[in-house]
Amino acid sequence: MSFQSIRYAVEDHVATITLNRPHRLNAFTLDMGEEIIAAFDAADADDEVRAIIVTGEPPAFCAGADLSTGADTFNRVADETQSGAFDDNDPKWRDKGGRVNLRIWESAKPVIGAINGAAVGIGGTMILPMDIRLASMEAKFAYPFAKRGIVWDGCASWFLPRVVGISTAMDWGLTGRTFTAAEAFESGLVARVVPAGDLLPEARERARLIAEKCAPVSVSLMRRMAWRMLGASHPMEAHRVETKGILHAGMGADAKEGVMSFLEKRDADFPLRVSQDMPPWYPFWDASEDQY
């Protein structure tokens, strides 16, 4: 698979997606967005992939939208012909950052963000639907949308308050200020901060634990369950889904293998695959919510 704005590689059951426009600090473009979506499609379709790492080619993670087009950077309508009435409900105008982040959120595989430098704007919102976020000591973050005269992108108005709380989200969003990896850690945006040279090894170790020690179907279901329950109105919704999950999983081959490998003190070899062995109760949400 050939990409221009990213690199995609699979090794030891881990797919690594590297944003690869270092001459522009990996600034986001519409083409990059489409390539990220395609990379997640490829990872989900490959049962050899059990975890995904997203990082940036040094010296940055993603410095935000590419502003090289000047004043009309965010004016997607400017390039369109004026024939017909403008309709902002037309799916063709959907925020590309939002499409990327919804695709990450929908991933069947767990996603680890290895934030190795500036994560600004879409670079800062892109990490929000990732499951484990790690940062180097040199990483810096900002949500400068109000300073650019626009608003949140990437579904950040949904994700960020859930990840760090409404007060911190408002502080970062309404001021647009830059903050350090230490503040990101203290606020729960990232799980750990490490020296730059240790970042990818740390991310790969987390991915290895998932890929080698855990059942792929269990991991896929658990990440989707937890994210979906952020919008649940009552814990009974989680109870219903978990009841179905435990009942069906308990009858399955992965549960038998998980127990016996533990009792026999050996590595587990889970037989079920995400592409073909998801349980009959999955998906457990109303599919209409995914329609634009």
C-alpha atoms as a PDB file:
ATOM      1  CA  MET A   1       0.000   0.000   0.000  1.00  0.00           C
ATOM      2  CA  SER A   2       1.487   3.329  -1.094  1.00  0.00           C
ATOM      3  CA  PHE A   3       1.022   6.559   0.884  1.00  0.00           C
ATOM      4  CA  GLN A   4       2.425  10.061   0.343  1.00  0.00           C
ATOM      5  CA  SER A   5       1.682  11.835   3.656  1.00  0.00           C
ATOM      6  CA  ILE A   6       2.082   8.942   6.065  1.00  0.00           C
ATOM      7  CA  ARG A   7       4.049   5.720   6.447  1.00  0.00           C
ATOM      8  CA  TYR A   8       2.365   2.430   7.292  1.00  0.00           C
ATOM      9  CA  ALA A   9       4.266  -0.616   8.508  1.00  0.00           C
ATOM     10  CA  VAL A  10       3.340  -3.856  10.282  1.00  0.00           C
ATOM     11  CA  GLU A  11       5.784  -5.747  12.482  1.00  0.00           C
ATOM     12  CA  ASP A  12       5.212  -8.245  15.295  1.00  0.00           C
ATOM     13  CA  HIS A  13       1.422  -7.848  15.078  1.00  0.00           C
ATOM     14  CA  VAL A  14       1.681  -4.056  15.481  1.00  0.00           C
ATOM     15  CA  ALA A  15       0.810  -1.521  12.775  1.00  0.00           C
ATOM     16  CA  THR A  16       2.675   1.776  13.022  1.00  0.00           C
ATOM     17  CA  ILE A  17       1.200   4.824  11.314  1.00  0.00           C
ATOM     18  CA  THR A  18       3.734   7.653  11.047  1.00  0.00           C
ATOM     19  CA  LEU A  19       2.618  11.113   9.944  1.00  0.00           C
ATOM     20  CA  ASN A  20       5.274  11.908   7.371  1.00  0.00           C
ATOM     21  CA  ARG A  21       5.466  15.539   6.291  1.00  0.00           C
ATOM     22  CA  PRO A  22       8.444  16.550   8.455  1.00  0.00           C
ATOM     23  CA  HIS A  23       9.267  19.551   6.248  1.00  0.00           C
ATOM     24  CA  ARG A  24       5.888  20.989   7.380  1.00  0.00           C
ATOM     25  CA  LEU A  25       6.068  19.584  10.932  1.00  0.00           C
ATOM     26  CA  ASN A  26       3.601  16.922   9.758  1.00  0.00           C
ATOM     27  CA  ALA A  27       0.938  19.575   9.209  1.00  0.00           C
ATOM     28  CA  PHE A  28      -2.444  18.082   8.378  1.00  0.00           C
ATOM     29  CA  THR A  29      -3.918  18.179   4.870  1.00  0.00           C
ATOM     30  CA  LEU A  30      -7.099  16.732   3.406  1.00  0.00           C
ATOM     31  CA  ASP A  31      -4.985  14.118   1.608  1.00  0.00           C
ATOM     32  CA  MET A  32      -3.292  13.136   4.874  1.00  0.00           C
ATOM     33  CA  GLY A  33      -6.709  12.693   6.416  1.00  0.00           C
ATOM     34  CA  GLU A  34      -7.793  10.311   3.671  1.00  0.00           C
ATOM     35  CA  GLU A  35      -4.564   8.330   4.034  1.00  0.00           C
ATOM     36  CA  ILE A  36      -4.993   7.976   7.807  1.00  0.00           C
ATOM     37  CA  ILE A  37      -8.517   6.655   7.256  1.00  0.00           C
ATOM     38  CA  ALA A  38      -7.204   4.194   4.651  1.00  0.00           C
ATOM     39  CA  ALA A  39      -4.460   3.038   7.028  1.00  0.00           C
ATOM     40  CA  PHE A  40      -7.011   2.276   9.747  1.00  0.00           C
ATOM     41  CA  ASP A  41      -9.096   0.406   7.185  1.00  0.00           C
ATOM     42  CA  ALA A  42      -6.031  -1.689   6.320  1.00  0.00           C
ATOM     43  CA  ALA A  43      -5.234  -2.399   9.972  1.00  0.00           C
ATOM     44  CA  ASP A  44      -8.785  -3.458  10.755  1.00  0.00           C
ATOM     45  CA  ALA A  45      -8.881  -5.798   7.758  1.00  0.00           C
ATOM     46  CA  ASP A  46      -5.635  -7.540   8.765  1.00  0.00           C
ATOM     47  CA  ASP A  47      -5.983 -10.132  11.538  1.00  0.00           C
ATOM     48  CA  GLU A  48      -2.197 -10.091  11.920  1.00  0.00           C
ATOM     49  CA  VAL A  49      -2.550  -6.571  13.340  1.00  0.00           C
ATOM     50  CA  ARG A  50      -3.476  -6.615  17.007  1.00  0.00           C
ATOM     51  CA  ALA A  51      -2.532  -3.048  17.992  1.00  0.00           C
ATOM     52  CA  ILE A  52      -1.863   0.270  16.250  1.00  0.00           C
ATOM     53  CA  ILE A  53       0.696   2.953  17.118  1.00  0.00           C
ATOM     54  CA  VAL A  54       0.314   6.474  15.718  1.00  0.00           C
ATOM     55  CA  THR A  55       3.296   8.823  15.835  1.00  0.00           C
ATOM     56  CA  GLY A  56       4.943  11.598  13.840  1.00  0.00           C
ATOM     57  CA  GLU A  57       8.164  11.802  11.892  1.00  0.00           C
ATOM     58  CA  PRO A  58      10.471  14.018  14.039  1.00  0.00           C
ATOM     59  CA  PRO A  59      10.627  16.801  15.001  1.00  0.00           C
ATOM     60  CA  ALA A  60       6.845  17.000  15.527  1.00  0.00           C
ATOM     61  CA  PHE A  61       3.750  14.883  16.002  1.00  0.00           C
ATOM     62  CA  CYS A  62       1.411  17.170  14.033  1.00  0.00           C
ATOM     63  CA  ALA A  63       1.610  20.963  14.089  1.00  0.00           C
ATOM     64  CA  GLY A  64      -2.036  21.385  13.067  1.00  0.00           C
ATOM     65  CA  ALA A  65      -3.603  22.273   9.752  1.00  0.00           C
ATOM     66  CA  ASP A  66      -1.260  23.238   6.940  1.00  0.00           C
ATOM     67  CA  LEU A  67      -1.672  27.030   6.748  1.00  0.00           C
ATOM     68  CA  SER A  68       0.407  27.475   3.591  1.00  0.00           C
ATOM     69  CA  THR A  69      -2.668  28.416   1.523  1.00  0.00           C
ATOM     70  CA  GLY A  70      -3.092  31.572   3.592  1.00  0.00           C
ATOM     71  CA  ALA A  71      -6.308  33.363   4.472  1.00  0.00           C
ATOM     72  CA  ASP A  72      -8.570  30.770   2.847  1.00  0.00           C
ATOM     73  CA  THR A  73      -6.949  27.795   4.625  1.00  0.00           C
ATOM     74  CA  PHE A  74     -10.204  26.911   6.365  1.00  0.00           C
ATOM     75  CA  ASN A  75     -12.531  28.117   3.601  1.00  0.00           C
ATOM     76  CA  ARG A  76     -13.308  24.847   1.860  1.00  0.00           C
ATOM     77  CA  VAL A  77     -16.162  26.477  -0.021  1.00  0.00           C
ATOM     78  CA  ALA A  78     -13.818  28.944  -1.725  1.00  0.00           C
ATOM     79  CA  ASP A  79     -12.594  26.381  -4.257  1.00  0.00           C
ATOM     80  CA  GLU A  80     -16.069  25.228  -5.225  1.00  0.00           C
ATOM     81  CA  THR A  81     -18.074  26.582  -8.114  1.00  0.00           C
ATOM     82  CA  GLN A  82     -20.958  28.847  -7.173  1.00  0.00           C
ATOM     83  CA  SER A  83     -23.550  26.774  -9.023  1.00  0.00           C
ATOM     84  CA  GLY A  84     -26.401  25.697  -6.764  1.00  0.00           C
ATOM     85  CA  ALA A  85     -27.200  26.668  -3.212  1.00  0.00           C
ATOM     86  CA  PHE A  86     -24.666  25.989  -0.468  1.00  0.00           C
ATOM     87  CA  ASP A  87     -26.012  23.341   1.936  1.00  0.00           C
ATOM     88  CA  ASP A  88     -23.964  22.760   5.092  1.00  0.00           C
ATOM     89  CA  ASN A  89     -25.928  19.553   5.711  1.00  0.00           C
ATOM     90  CA  ASP A  90     -24.408  17.981   2.592  1.00  0.00           C
ATOM     91  CA  PRO A  91     -22.006  15.206   3.735  1.00  0.00           C
ATOM     92  CA  LYS A  92     -19.328  16.471   1.334  1.00  0.00           C
ATOM     93  CA  TRP A  93     -18.638  19.360   3.744  1.00  0.00           C
ATOM     94  CA  ARG A  94     -18.012  17.145   6.760  1.00  0.00           C
ATOM     95  CA  ASP A  95     -15.011  18.191   8.844  1.00  0.00           C
ATOM     96  CA  LYS A  96     -12.112  16.002   7.696  1.00  0.00           C
ATOM     97  CA  GLY A  97     -10.599  15.999  11.177  1.00  0.00           C
ATOM     98  CA  GLY A  98     -13.913  14.719  12.494  1.00  0.00           C
ATOM     99  CA  ARG A  99     -13.994  11.962   9.889  1.00  0.00           C
ATOM    100  CA  VAL A 100     -10.468  10.921  10.880  1.00  0.00           C
ATOM    101  CA  ASN A 101     -11.257  10.895  14.589  1.00  0.00           C
ATOM    102  CA  LEU A 102     -14.510   9.006  14.125  1.00  0.00           C
ATOM    103  CA  ARG A 103     -12.553   6.408  12.138  1.00  0.00           C
ATOM    104  CA  ILE A 104     -10.012   6.112  14.946  1.00  0.00           C
ATOM    105  CA  TRP A 105     -12.873   5.805  17.448  1.00  0.00           C
ATOM    106  CA  GLU A 106     -14.422   3.045  15.325  1.00  0.00           C
ATOM    107  CA  SER A 107     -11.142   1.100  15.145  1.00  0.00           C
ATOM    108  CA  ALA A 108     -11.452  -2.608  15.849  1.00  0.00           C
ATOM    109  CA  LYS A 109      -7.888  -2.580  17.169  1.00  0.00           C
ATOM    110  CA  PRO A 110      -6.526  -0.673  20.191  1.00  0.00           C
ATOM    111  CA  VAL A 111      -4.717   2.559  19.350  1.00  0.00           C
ATOM    112  CA  ILE A 112      -1.634   3.934  21.099  1.00  0.00           C
ATOM    113  CA  GLY A 113      -0.605   7.538  20.488  1.00  0.00           C
ATOM    114  CA  ALA A 114       3.154   8.187  20.716  1.00  0.00           C
ATOM    115  CA  ILE A 115       3.248  11.990  20.809  1.00  0.00           C
ATOM    116  CA  ASN A 116       6.821  12.906  20.005  1.00  0.00           C
ATOM    117  CA  GLY A 117       6.584  16.695  19.581  1.00  0.00           C
ATOM    118  CA  ALA A 118       4.130  19.494  18.863  1.00  0.00           C
ATOM    119  CA  ALA A 119       0.493  18.337  18.857  1.00  0.00           C
ATOM    120  CA  VAL A 120      -1.504  21.411  17.894  1.00  0.00           C
ATOM    121  CA  GLY A 121      -5.038  21.872  16.566  1.00  0.00           C
ATOM    122  CA  ILE A 122      -5.999  18.723  14.689  1.00  0.00           C
ATOM    123  CA  GLY A 123      -2.699  17.296  15.958  1.00  0.00           C
ATOM    124  CA  GLY A 124      -4.075  17.693  19.471  1.00  0.00           C
ATOM    125  CA  THR A 125      -7.592  16.509  18.705  1.00  0.00           C
ATOM    126  CA  MET A 126      -6.431  13.496  16.692  1.00  0.00           C
ATOM    127  CA  ILE A 127      -4.994  11.907  19.824  1.00  0.00           C
ATOM    128  CA  LEU A 128      -8.261  12.130  21.784  1.00  0.00           C
ATOM    129  CA  PRO A 129      -9.951   8.932  20.479  1.00  0.00           C
ATOM    130  CA  MET A 130      -6.736   6.955  20.958  1.00  0.00           C
ATOM    131  CA  ASP A 131      -6.848   4.492  23.835  1.00  0.00           C
ATOM    132  CA  ILE A 132      -3.406   4.997  25.379  1.00  0.00           C
ATOM    133  CA  ARG A 133      -1.593   8.305  24.926  1.00  0.00           C
ATOM    134  CA  LEU A 134       2.133   8.571  25.694  1.00  0.00           C
ATOM    135  CA  ALA A 135       4.239  11.710  25.258  1.00  0.00           C
ATOM    136  CA  SER A 136       7.877  12.642  25.107  1.00  0.00           C
ATOM    137  CA  MET A 137       9.189  15.310  27.469  1.00  0.00           C
ATOM    138  CA  GLU A 138       9.566  17.613  24.465  1.00  0.00           C
ATOM    139  CA  ALA A 139       5.903  17.343  23.440  1.00  0.00           C
ATOM    140  CA  LYS A 140       3.753  20.469  23.571  1.00  0.00           C
ATOM    141  CA  PHE A 141       0.034  20.804  23.052  1.00  0.00           C
ATOM    142  CA  ALA A 142      -2.419  23.524  22.034  1.00  0.00           C
ATOM    143  CA  TYR A 143      -6.022  23.884  20.908  1.00  0.00           C
ATOM    144  CA  PRO A 144      -5.744  27.313  19.217  1.00  0.00           C
ATOM    145  CA  PHE A 145      -9.029  27.239  17.285  1.00  0.00           C
ATOM    146  CA  ALA A 146     -10.412  30.450  18.801  1.00  0.00           C
ATOM    147  CA  LYS A 147      -7.104  32.194  18.047  1.00  0.00           C
ATOM    148  CA  ARG A 148      -7.580  31.284  14.365  1.00  0.00           C
ATOM    149  CA  GLY A 149     -11.204  32.462  14.280  1.00  0.00           C
ATOM    150  CA  ILE A 150     -12.701  28.989  13.949  1.00  0.00           C
ATOM    151  CA  VAL A 151     -14.096  26.390  16.392  1.00  0.00           C
ATOM    152  CA  TRP A 152     -13.261  22.894  17.628  1.00  0.00           C
ATOM    153  CA  ASP A 153     -12.580  20.217  15.016  1.00  0.00           C
ATOM    154  CA  GLY A 154     -12.193  16.464  15.221  1.00  0.00           C
ATOM    155  CA  CYS A 155     -15.227  16.006  17.500  1.00  0.00           C
ATOM    156  CA  ALA A 156     -13.108  17.604  20.232  1.00  0.00           C
ATOM    157  CA  SER A 157     -16.127  19.225  21.863  1.00  0.00           C
ATOM    158  CA  TRP A 158     -17.275  15.658  22.655  1.00  0.00           C
ATOM    159  CA  PHE A 159     -13.926  13.984  23.322  1.00  0.00           C
ATOM    160  CA  LEU A 160     -11.891  16.544  25.263  1.00  0.00           C
ATOM    161  CA  PRO A 161     -14.307  17.143  28.177  1.00  0.00           C
ATOM    162  CA  ARG A 162     -14.669  13.377  28.577  1.00  0.00           C
ATOM    163  CA  VAL A 163     -10.914  12.844  28.608  1.00  0.00           C
ATOM    164  CA  VAL A 164      -9.840  15.705  30.917  1.00  0.00           C
ATOM    165  CA  GLY A 165     -13.059  17.209  32.315  1.00  0.00           C
ATOM    166  CA  ILE A 166     -15.006  20.269  31.252  1.00  0.00           C
ATOM    167  CA  SER A 167     -13.008  22.840  33.260  1.00  0.00           C
ATOM    168  CA  THR A 168      -9.638  21.827  31.820  1.00  0.00           C
ATOM    169  CA  ALA A 169     -11.119  21.518  28.330  1.00  0.00           C
ATOM    170  CA  MET A 170     -12.477  25.062  28.594  1.00  0.00           C
ATOM    171  CA  ASP A 171      -9.175  26.400  29.902  1.00  0.00           C
ATOM    172  CA  TRP A 172      -7.245  24.927  27.000  1.00  0.00           C
ATOM    173  CA  GLY A 173      -9.881  25.651  24.360  1.00  0.00           C
ATOM    174  CA  LEU A 174     -10.963  29.172  25.261  1.00  0.00           C
ATOM    175  CA  THR A 175      -7.442  30.490  25.841  1.00  0.00           C
ATOM    176  CA  GLY A 176      -5.797  28.543  23.023  1.00  0.00           C
ATOM    177  CA  ARG A 177      -2.630  28.536  25.113  1.00  0.00           C
ATOM    178  CA  THR A 178       0.271  26.139  24.645  1.00  0.00           C
ATOM    179  CA  PHE A 179       0.894  23.701  27.492  1.00  0.00           C
ATOM    180  CA  THR A 180       3.586  21.189  28.320  1.00  0.00           C
ATOM    181  CA  ALA A 181       3.683  17.409  28.464  1.00  0.00           C
ATOM    182  CA  ALA A 182       3.849  17.699  32.259  1.00  0.00           C
ATOM    183  CA  GLU A 183       0.525  19.568  32.346  1.00  0.00           C
ATOM    184  CA  ALA A 184      -0.959  17.087  29.873  1.00  0.00           C
ATOM    185  CA  PHE A 185       0.040  14.269  32.240  1.00  0.00           C
ATOM    186  CA  GLU A 186      -1.306  16.015  35.332  1.00  0.00           C
ATOM    187  CA  SER A 187      -4.639  16.567  33.552  1.00  0.00           C
ATOM    188  CA  GLY A 188      -4.939  12.981  32.315  1.00  0.00           C
ATOM    189  CA  LEU A 189      -4.502  13.762  28.621  1.00  0.00           C
ATOM    190  CA  VAL A 190      -1.494  11.437  28.482  1.00  0.00           C
ATOM    191  CA  ALA A 191      -0.819   8.343  30.581  1.00  0.00           C
ATOM    192  CA  ARG A 192       2.936   8.758  30.812  1.00  0.00           C
ATOM    193  CA  VAL A 193       5.727  11.167  29.855  1.00  0.00           C
ATOM    194  CA  VAL A 194       9.127   9.727  28.953  1.00  0.00           C
ATOM    195  CA  PRO A 195      12.415  10.943  27.429  1.00  0.00           C
ATOM    196  CA  ALA A 196      12.234  11.275  23.650  1.00  0.00           C
ATOM    197  CA  GLY A 197      14.447   8.242  23.054  1.00  0.00           C
ATOM    198  CA  ASP A 198      12.196   6.049  25.189  1.00  0.00           C
ATOM    199  CA  LEU A 199       8.881   7.040  23.608  1.00  0.00           C
ATOM    200  CA  LEU A 200       8.591   4.518  20.771  1.00  0.00           C
ATOM    201  CA  PRO A 201      10.062   1.671  22.848  1.00  0.00           C
ATOM    202  CA  GLU A 202       7.468   2.453  25.535  1.00  0.00           C
ATOM    203  CA  ALA A 203       4.667   2.496  22.951  1.00  0.00           C
ATOM    204  CA  ARG A 204       5.901  -0.752  21.425  1.00  0.00           C
ATOM    205  CA  GLU A 205       6.024  -2.403  24.840  1.00  0.00           C
ATOM    206  CA  ARG A 206       2.390  -1.467  25.509  1.00  0.00           C
ATOM    207  CA  ALA A 207       1.496  -2.775  22.055  1.00  0.00           C
ATOM    208  CA  ARG A 208       3.456  -5.980  22.699  1.00  0.00           C
ATOM    209  CA  LEU A 209       1.543  -6.658  25.920  1.00  0.00           C
ATOM    210  CA  ILE A 210      -1.713  -6.318  24.004  1.00  0.00           C
ATOM    211  CA  ALA A 211      -0.589  -8.327  20.981  1.00  0.00           C
ATOM    212  CA  GLU A 212       1.060 -11.191  22.843  1.00  0.00           C
ATOM    213  CA  LYS A 213      -0.912 -11.514  26.071  1.00  0.00           C
ATOM    214  CA  CYS A 214      -4.528 -10.592  25.286  1.00  0.00           C
ATOM    215  CA  ALA A 215      -7.319 -12.046  23.168  1.00  0.00           C
ATOM    216  CA  PRO A 216      -7.843  -9.868  20.058  1.00  0.00           C
ATOM    217  CA  VAL A 217     -11.641 -10.178  20.177  1.00  0.00           C
ATOM    218  CA  SER A 218     -11.723  -9.308  23.892  1.00  0.00           C
ATOM    219  CA  VAL A 219      -9.545  -6.240  23.333  1.00  0.00           C
ATOM    220  CA  SER A 220     -11.661  -5.085  20.399  1.00  0.00           C
ATOM    221  CA  LEU A 221     -14.904  -5.461  22.315  1.00  0.00           C
ATOM    222  CA  MET A 222     -13.603  -3.854  25.506  1.00  0.00           C
ATOM    223  CA  ARG A 223     -12.315  -0.700  23.795  1.00  0.00           C
ATOM    224  CA  ARG A 224     -15.599  -0.238  21.951  1.00  0.00           C
ATOM    225  CA  MET A 225     -17.662  -0.898  25.071  1.00  0.00           C
ATOM    226  CA  ALA A 226     -15.746   1.637  27.176  1.00  0.00           C
ATOM    227  CA  TRP A 227     -15.898   4.408  24.574  1.00  0.00           C
ATOM    228  CA  ARG A 228     -19.601   3.845  23.920  1.00  0.00           C
ATOM    229  CA  MET A 229     -20.427   3.883  27.610  1.00  0.00           C
ATOM    230  CA  LEU A 230     -19.060   7.416  27.928  1.00  0.00           C
ATOM    231  CA  GLY A 231     -22.358   8.497  26.389  1.00  0.00           C
ATOM    232  CA  ALA A 232     -24.575   6.112  28.366  1.00  0.00           C
ATOM    233  CA  SER A 233     -27.233   7.652  30.597  1.00  0.00           C
ATOM    234  CA  HIS A 234     -27.223   4.904  33.264  1.00  0.00           C
ATOM    235  CA  PRO A 235     -24.860   2.111  34.384  1.00  0.00           C
ATOM    236  CA  MET A 236     -27.649  -0.344  33.542  1.00  0.00           C
ATOM    237  CA  GLU A 237     -26.690   0.142  29.880  1.00  0.00           C
ATOM    238  CA  ALA A 238     -23.208  -1.136  30.673  1.00  0.00           C
ATOM    239  CA  HIS A 239     -24.653  -3.960  32.767  1.00  0.00           C
ATOM    240  CA  ARG A 240     -26.812  -5.164  29.878  1.00  0.00           C
ATOM    241  CA  VAL A 241     -23.951  -5.146  27.395  1.00  0.00           C
ATOM    242  CA  GLU A 242     -21.465  -6.712  29.813  1.00  0.00           C
ATOM    243  CA  THR A 243     -23.951  -9.450  30.682  1.00  0.00           C
ATOM    244  CA  LYS A 244     -24.248 -10.404  27.021  1.00  0.00           C
ATOM    245  CA  GLY A 245     -20.485 -10.172  26.647  1.00  0.00           C
ATOM    246  CA  ILE A 246     -19.639 -12.384  29.615  1.00  0.00           C
ATOM    247  CA  LEU A 247     -22.271 -14.972  28.693  1.00  0.00           C
ATOM    248  CA  HIS A 248     -21.131 -15.348  25.083  1.00  0.00           C
ATOM    249  CA  ALA A 249     -17.406 -15.064  25.807  1.00  0.00           C
ATOM    250  CA  GLY A 250     -17.645 -17.594  28.617  1.00  0.00           C
ATOM    251  CA  MET A 251     -18.944 -20.195  26.160  1.00  0.00           C
ATOM    252  CA  GLY A 252     -16.215 -19.427  23.627  1.00  0.00           C
ATOM    253  CA  ALA A 253     -12.841 -20.844  22.713  1.00  0.00           C
ATOM    254  CA  ASP A 254     -10.898 -17.785  23.863  1.00  0.00           C
ATOM    255  CA  ALA A 255     -12.160 -18.078  27.446  1.00  0.00           C
ATOM    256  CA  LYS A 256     -11.212 -21.745  27.550  1.00  0.00           C
ATOM    257  CA  GLU A 257      -7.744 -20.942  26.212  1.00  0.00           C
ATOM    258  CA  GLY A 258      -7.310 -18.018  28.602  1.00  0.00           C
ATOM    259  CA  VAL A 259      -8.080 -20.169  31.647  1.00  0.00           C
ATOM    260  CA  MET A 260      -6.110 -23.228  30.579  1.00  0.00           C
ATOM    261  CA  SER A 261      -3.016 -21.265  29.545  1.00  0.00           C
ATOM    262  CA  PHE A 262      -3.012 -19.672  32.999  1.00  0.00           C
ATOM    263  CA  LEU A 263      -3.456 -22.997  34.803  1.00  0.00           C
ATOM    264  CA  GLU A 264      -0.822 -24.680  32.626  1.00  0.00           C
ATOM    265  CA  LYS A 265       1.571 -21.725  33.022  1.00  0.00           C
ATOM    266  CA  ARG A 266       2.091 -21.201  29.293  1.00  0.00           C
ATOM    267  CA  ASP A 267       1.535 -18.448  26.755  1.00  0.00           C
ATOM    268  CA  ALA A 268      -2.013 -18.256  25.440  1.00  0.00           C
ATOM    269  CA  ASP A 269      -2.830 -18.894  21.783  1.00  0.00           C
ATOM    270  CA  PHE A 270      -6.248 -17.317  21.352  1.00  0.00           C
ATOM    271  CA  PRO A 271      -8.043 -18.795  18.305  1.00  0.00           C
ATOM    272  CA  LEU A 272     -10.771 -16.209  17.663  1.00  0.00           C
ATOM    273  CA  ARG A 273     -10.224 -13.443  15.090  1.00  0.00           C
ATOM    274  CA  VAL A 274     -11.724  -9.963  14.920  1.00  0.00           C
ATOM    275  CA  SER A 275     -12.534 -10.228  11.203  1.00  0.00           C
ATOM    276  CA  GLN A 276     -14.817 -13.256  11.549  1.00  0.00           C
ATOM    277  CA  ASP A 277     -15.513 -14.184  15.165  1.00  0.00           C
ATOM    278  CA  MET A 278     -17.228 -11.186  16.736  1.00  0.00           C
ATOM    279  CA  PRO A 279     -20.193 -12.336  18.869  1.00  0.00           C
ATOM    280  CA  PRO A 280     -23.834 -12.168  17.760  1.00  0.00           C
ATOM    281  CA  TRP A 281     -24.610  -9.264  20.127  1.00  0.00           C
ATOM    282  CA  TYR A 282     -22.053  -7.052  18.339  1.00  0.00           C
ATOM    283  CA  PRO A 283     -22.543  -4.276  17.372  1.00  0.00           C
ATOM    284  CA  PHE A 284     -24.674  -3.340  20.354  1.00  0.00           C
ATOM    285  CA  TRP A 285     -25.558   0.238  19.419  1.00  0.00           C
ATOM    286  CA  ASP A 286     -28.078   1.795  17.062  1.00  0.00           C
ATOM    287  CA  ALA A 287     -26.360   1.961  13.676  1.00  0.00           C
ATOM    288  CA  SER A 288     -28.389   5.054  12.767  1.00  0.00           C
ATOM    289  CA  GLU A 289     -26.182   7.162  15.030  1.00  0.00           C
ATOM    290  CA  ASP A 290     -23.318   6.708  12.564  1.00  0.00           C
ATOM    291  CA  GLN A 291     -25.228   8.435   9.775  1.00  0.00           C
ATOM    292  CA  TYR A 292     -24.344  12.045   9.000  1.00  0.00           C
END
